[in-house]
Protein backbone atom coordinates (compact mmCIF):
# COMPACT_ATOMS: atom_id res chain seq x y z
CA UNK A 1 196.46 33.72 90.14
CA UNK A 2 194.91 35.84 93.22
CA UNK A 3 195.66 38.66 95.23
CA UNK A 4 197.38 38.04 98.66
CA UNK A 5 195.99 40.72 100.50
CA UNK A 6 193.39 44.20 99.76
CA UNK A 7 194.26 47.43 101.96
CA UNK A 8 190.69 49.18 101.62
CA UNK A 9 190.90 53.12 102.45
CA UNK A 10 188.02 55.34 102.13
CA UNK A 11 188.67 58.63 100.78
CA UNK A 12 189.76 61.21 102.97
CA UNK A 13 187.67 64.37 103.87
CA UNK A 14 186.03 66.17 101.00
CA UNK A 15 184.26 69.38 100.79
CA UNK A 16 181.08 67.53 100.09
CA UNK A 17 181.34 65.47 103.87
CA UNK A 18 181.92 69.33 105.34
CA UNK A 19 178.41 70.10 103.35
CA UNK A 20 176.66 67.13 104.01
CA UNK A 21 177.35 67.56 107.78
CA UNK A 22 176.67 71.39 107.76
CA UNK A 23 173.56 70.54 105.95
CA UNK A 24 172.30 67.86 107.91
CA UNK A 25 172.97 69.66 111.50
CA UNK A 26 171.24 73.26 110.12
CA UNK A 27 168.18 70.99 108.69
CA UNK A 28 168.79 71.79 105.09
CA UNK A 29 166.63 69.92 102.53
CA UNK A 30 169.90 69.97 99.78
CA UNK A 31 173.39 69.69 100.26
CA UNK A 32 175.14 72.92 98.64
CA UNK A 33 177.80 71.18 96.61
CA UNK A 34 179.29 73.02 93.26
CA UNK A 35 180.08 69.97 91.47
CA UNK A 36 179.19 66.91 90.55
CA UNK A 37 179.68 63.87 92.73
CA UNK A 38 182.42 62.65 90.38
CA UNK A 39 184.23 66.00 90.83
CA UNK A 40 184.25 66.56 94.69
CA UNK A 41 187.54 67.30 96.07
CA UNK A 42 189.40 67.04 99.02
CA UNK A 43 189.32 69.53 101.67
CA UNK A 44 192.26 70.96 103.33
CA UNK A 45 191.91 68.76 106.96
CA UNK A 46 191.31 65.43 104.16
CA UNK A 47 194.50 66.52 102.28
CA UNK A 48 196.14 66.48 105.47
CA UNK A 49 194.78 63.12 106.55
CA UNK A 50 195.98 61.21 103.13
CA UNK A 51 199.58 62.68 103.81
CA UNK A 52 199.04 61.51 107.46
CA UNK A 53 198.07 57.76 106.32
CA UNK A 54 201.17 57.48 103.80
CA UNK A 55 203.82 58.54 106.40
CA UNK A 56 202.36 56.15 108.79
CA UNK A 57 202.06 53.38 106.38
CA UNK A 58 206.10 54.08 105.92
CA UNK A 59 207.14 54.18 109.27
CA UNK A 60 205.26 51.50 110.36
CA UNK A 61 206.40 48.87 107.92
CA UNK A 62 207.67 50.11 104.88
CA UNK A 63 208.61 46.30 103.71
CA UNK A 64 204.95 45.89 103.60
CA UNK A 65 204.04 48.77 101.83
CA UNK A 66 201.02 48.16 99.23
CA UNK A 67 202.43 46.82 95.92
CA UNK A 68 200.01 47.80 93.71
CA UNK A 69 197.02 50.67 94.16
CA UNK A 70 193.36 51.12 92.45
CA UNK A 71 191.44 54.12 93.02
CA UNK A 72 187.96 54.77 92.20
CA UNK A 73 187.89 57.60 89.50
CA UNK A 74 186.15 60.60 91.38
CA UNK A 75 188.65 63.22 92.26
CA UNK A 76 188.46 62.62 95.90
CA UNK A 77 189.19 59.09 95.76
CA UNK A 78 192.48 59.72 93.53
CA UNK A 79 193.63 62.73 95.60
CA UNK A 80 193.27 60.29 98.39
CA UNK A 81 195.82 57.67 96.93
CA UNK A 82 198.05 60.55 95.21
CA UNK A 83 198.78 61.81 98.85
CA UNK A 84 199.20 58.50 100.41
CA UNK A 85 201.77 57.01 97.62
CA UNK A 86 203.81 60.68 97.68
CA UNK A 87 203.63 60.54 101.56
CA UNK A 88 205.06 56.78 101.70
CA UNK A 89 207.61 57.45 99.08
CA UNK A 90 205.61 54.67 96.75
CA UNK A 91 206.55 54.71 92.62
CA UNK A 92 204.17 54.64 90.04
CA UNK A 93 200.37 55.33 89.20
CA UNK A 94 197.14 54.19 90.49
CA UNK A 95 194.83 52.09 88.56
CA UNK A 96 191.20 53.83 88.54
CA UNK A 97 188.69 51.55 87.65
CA UNK A 98 185.05 53.09 87.40
CA UNK A 99 183.45 50.11 88.93
CA UNK A 100 184.98 51.39 92.30
CA UNK A 101 182.76 54.71 91.86
CA UNK A 102 180.34 55.49 94.70
CA UNK A 103 177.01 54.32 95.03
CA UNK A 104 174.73 56.18 92.74
CA UNK A 105 172.01 57.64 94.30
CA UNK A 106 169.97 58.70 91.44
CA UNK A 107 167.55 61.34 92.43
CA UNK A 108 168.26 61.57 95.60
CA UNK A 109 171.46 62.70 95.08
CA UNK A 110 172.35 66.07 97.19
CA UNK A 111 169.32 65.60 99.24
CA UNK A 112 169.35 65.30 103.16
CA UNK A 113 167.37 62.73 104.86
CA UNK A 114 165.19 65.53 105.61
CA UNK A 115 164.92 66.29 102.18
CA UNK A 116 164.16 63.00 100.90
CA UNK A 117 161.46 62.77 103.36
CA UNK A 118 159.93 66.08 102.07
CA UNK A 119 160.55 65.96 98.39
CA UNK A 120 159.96 62.13 97.93
CA UNK A 121 157.68 60.91 100.40
CA UNK A 122 156.80 57.79 98.56
CA UNK A 123 160.24 57.29 97.52
CA UNK A 124 160.99 57.24 101.59
CA UNK A 125 157.89 54.61 102.25
CA UNK A 126 159.57 52.30 99.23
CA UNK A 127 163.11 52.64 101.04
CA UNK A 128 161.61 51.49 103.97
CA UNK A 129 159.61 48.84 102.51
CA UNK A 130 162.11 47.15 100.63
CA UNK A 131 165.03 47.57 102.97
CA UNK A 132 168.49 49.39 102.39
CA UNK A 133 169.58 46.13 100.57
CA UNK A 134 167.58 46.19 97.97
CA UNK A 135 165.83 49.75 97.50
CA UNK A 136 166.97 51.21 94.49
CA UNK A 137 166.22 54.94 93.89
CA UNK A 138 165.20 56.00 90.62
CA UNK A 139 168.54 56.75 88.15
CA UNK A 140 170.24 55.12 91.29
CA UNK A 141 171.87 51.77 92.42
CA UNK A 142 170.91 48.94 95.14
CA UNK A 143 173.64 47.86 97.11
CA UNK A 144 172.75 44.39 95.42
CA UNK A 145 173.67 46.22 92.27
CA UNK A 146 176.96 47.69 93.79
CA UNK A 147 177.65 44.10 94.90
CA UNK A 148 177.28 42.77 91.45
CA UNK A 149 179.95 45.45 89.78
CA UNK A 150 182.36 44.86 92.70
CA UNK A 151 182.07 40.70 91.98
CA UNK A 152 183.79 41.77 88.27
CA UNK A 153 186.19 43.63 89.98
CA UNK A 154 187.57 41.19 92.28
CA UNK A 155 188.02 38.51 89.54
CA UNK A 156 190.07 41.79 87.35
CA UNK A 157 192.40 42.31 90.49
CA UNK A 158 193.08 38.43 90.62
CA UNK A 159 194.29 38.23 87.34
CA UNK A 160 195.99 41.48 87.18
CA UNK A 161 197.63 41.58 90.65
CA UNK A 162 199.07 38.08 91.34
CA UNK A 163 200.40 37.30 94.75
CA UNK A 164 200.07 41.15 95.65
CA UNK A 165 199.46 43.94 98.25
CA UNK A 166 196.69 45.95 96.67
CA UNK A 167 195.63 49.16 98.02
CA UNK A 168 191.90 50.17 96.96
CA UNK A 169 190.96 53.60 97.74
CA UNK A 170 187.40 54.08 97.66
CA UNK A 171 183.96 55.29 98.64
CA UNK A 172 182.45 53.73 102.56
CA UNK A 173 179.45 51.92 100.51
CA UNK A 174 182.00 49.93 98.65
CA UNK A 175 184.32 48.97 101.39
CA UNK A 176 181.24 47.87 102.94
CA UNK A 177 180.47 45.88 100.03
CA UNK A 178 183.48 44.61 99.25
CA UNK A 179 183.54 42.84 102.83
CA UNK A 180 180.17 41.57 101.96
CA UNK A 181 181.42 39.78 98.71
CA UNK A 182 184.64 38.30 100.22
CA UNK A 183 183.58 37.40 103.32
CA UNK A 184 180.11 35.74 102.07
CA UNK A 185 178.26 37.64 104.07
CA UNK A 186 174.15 38.09 103.76
CA UNK A 187 171.90 40.63 104.05
CA UNK A 188 171.17 40.67 107.77
CA UNK A 189 174.85 40.70 108.58
CA UNK A 190 176.25 43.70 106.18
CA UNK A 191 173.21 45.61 107.73
CA UNK A 192 174.52 45.35 110.86
CA UNK A 193 177.88 45.84 110.00
CA UNK A 194 177.08 48.99 108.17
CA UNK A 195 175.41 50.23 111.55
CA UNK A 196 178.08 49.17 113.85
CA UNK A 197 180.84 50.33 112.13
CA UNK A 198 180.66 53.65 110.28
CA UNK A 199 183.78 54.32 108.22
CA UNK A 200 185.95 57.25 109.23
CA UNK A 201 187.38 58.95 106.36
CA UNK A 202 191.29 57.22 105.70
CA UNK A 203 189.94 54.71 107.96
CA UNK A 204 191.85 51.27 107.06
CA UNK A 205 190.71 48.15 106.29
CA UNK A 206 192.46 44.68 105.60
CA UNK A 207 191.50 41.68 104.31
CA UNK A 208 194.15 38.89 104.09
CA UNK A 209 193.61 35.52 102.11
CA UNK A 210 194.49 32.10 103.95
CA UNK A 211 196.13 28.78 102.60
CA UNK A 212 192.71 28.20 101.05
CA UNK A 213 191.86 31.03 99.32
CA UNK A 214 189.37 32.21 102.04
CA UNK A 215 189.70 35.90 103.03
CA UNK A 216 189.55 36.86 106.46
CA UNK A 217 189.65 40.31 108.08
CA UNK A 218 193.08 41.22 109.93
CA UNK A 219 191.88 45.14 110.63
CA UNK A 220 188.93 47.03 110.19
CA UNK A 221 188.30 50.55 110.30
CA UNK A 222 192.06 51.30 111.67
CA UNK A 223 192.34 55.32 112.17
CA UNK A 224 195.74 55.09 114.35
CA UNK A 225 197.52 57.20 112.08
CA UNK A 226 194.22 60.25 112.62
CA UNK A 227 195.14 60.39 116.48
CA UNK A 228 198.06 62.93 116.46
CA UNK A 229 200.56 63.61 113.41
CA UNK A 230 203.73 64.78 113.92
CA UNK A 231 203.38 67.87 115.21
CA UNK A 232 200.65 66.80 117.87
CA UNK A 233 197.62 68.07 115.63
CA UNK A 234 194.42 65.40 115.88
CA UNK A 235 193.70 64.73 112.61
CA UNK A 236 190.65 62.65 112.97
CA UNK A 237 187.63 63.79 110.92
CA UNK A 238 185.85 66.50 111.69
CA UNK A 239 182.58 65.57 109.64
CA UNK A 240 182.64 61.49 110.04
CA UNK A 241 179.81 60.08 107.51
CA UNK A 242 176.76 58.89 108.82
CA UNK A 243 175.07 55.75 108.18
CA UNK A 244 175.19 54.18 104.78
CA UNK A 245 171.57 55.04 103.37
CA UNK A 246 169.89 56.70 100.65
CA UNK A 247 171.62 60.63 100.98
CA UNK A 248 174.39 62.01 99.67
CA UNK A 249 177.65 61.37 101.20
CA UNK A 250 180.30 62.62 98.97
């Protein structure tokens, strides 16, 4: 029993994305968020992005809509999944799984890169020495830790969703590491991927299994649905994600 296709969607723009971008631009050390990471909601733009992706999926090829939806339990991901499904005319409820949550940042949570350097210079040195793949902030996770929990998610997906097209609504680091696991990448390859392909809000990545059970990427970080909505408004994210590193992305 195996999943036929994975449709990986980064959540739409959140209020935390906006706060992070503003904090970085102003040189602040701390991102002024009013909720814990799990409770950060979508911005108004984010809600429109999710709806637009749902309409795009329905109009582009309604016969190939996702047949199952899994989501991170974080509010911004669940709101994104709900918005996509409603606009696409999909029925049912997404299955939430805590293993699809964002990478845990530990003591670096809510800090900008400037904040990390100012408040935890030894952690900055340790992160530089170990590299992004193996560095784990106190109380947080490394990319290798993230890969471990995602391997078990993929096993459960294969058991639960035989021959289905599964949309997974989650976070940028999770999508990058799902590609690492599915494509059999090594450390250097996944780091190069993260540098070269910064995932936009509601960017879509598709992985399809061939006849031998090998995953291949058929689309990466698709964002055509954001270029213009039916009224002609540009829905590209106003606050794109920065490189995946040790600071809060929300």
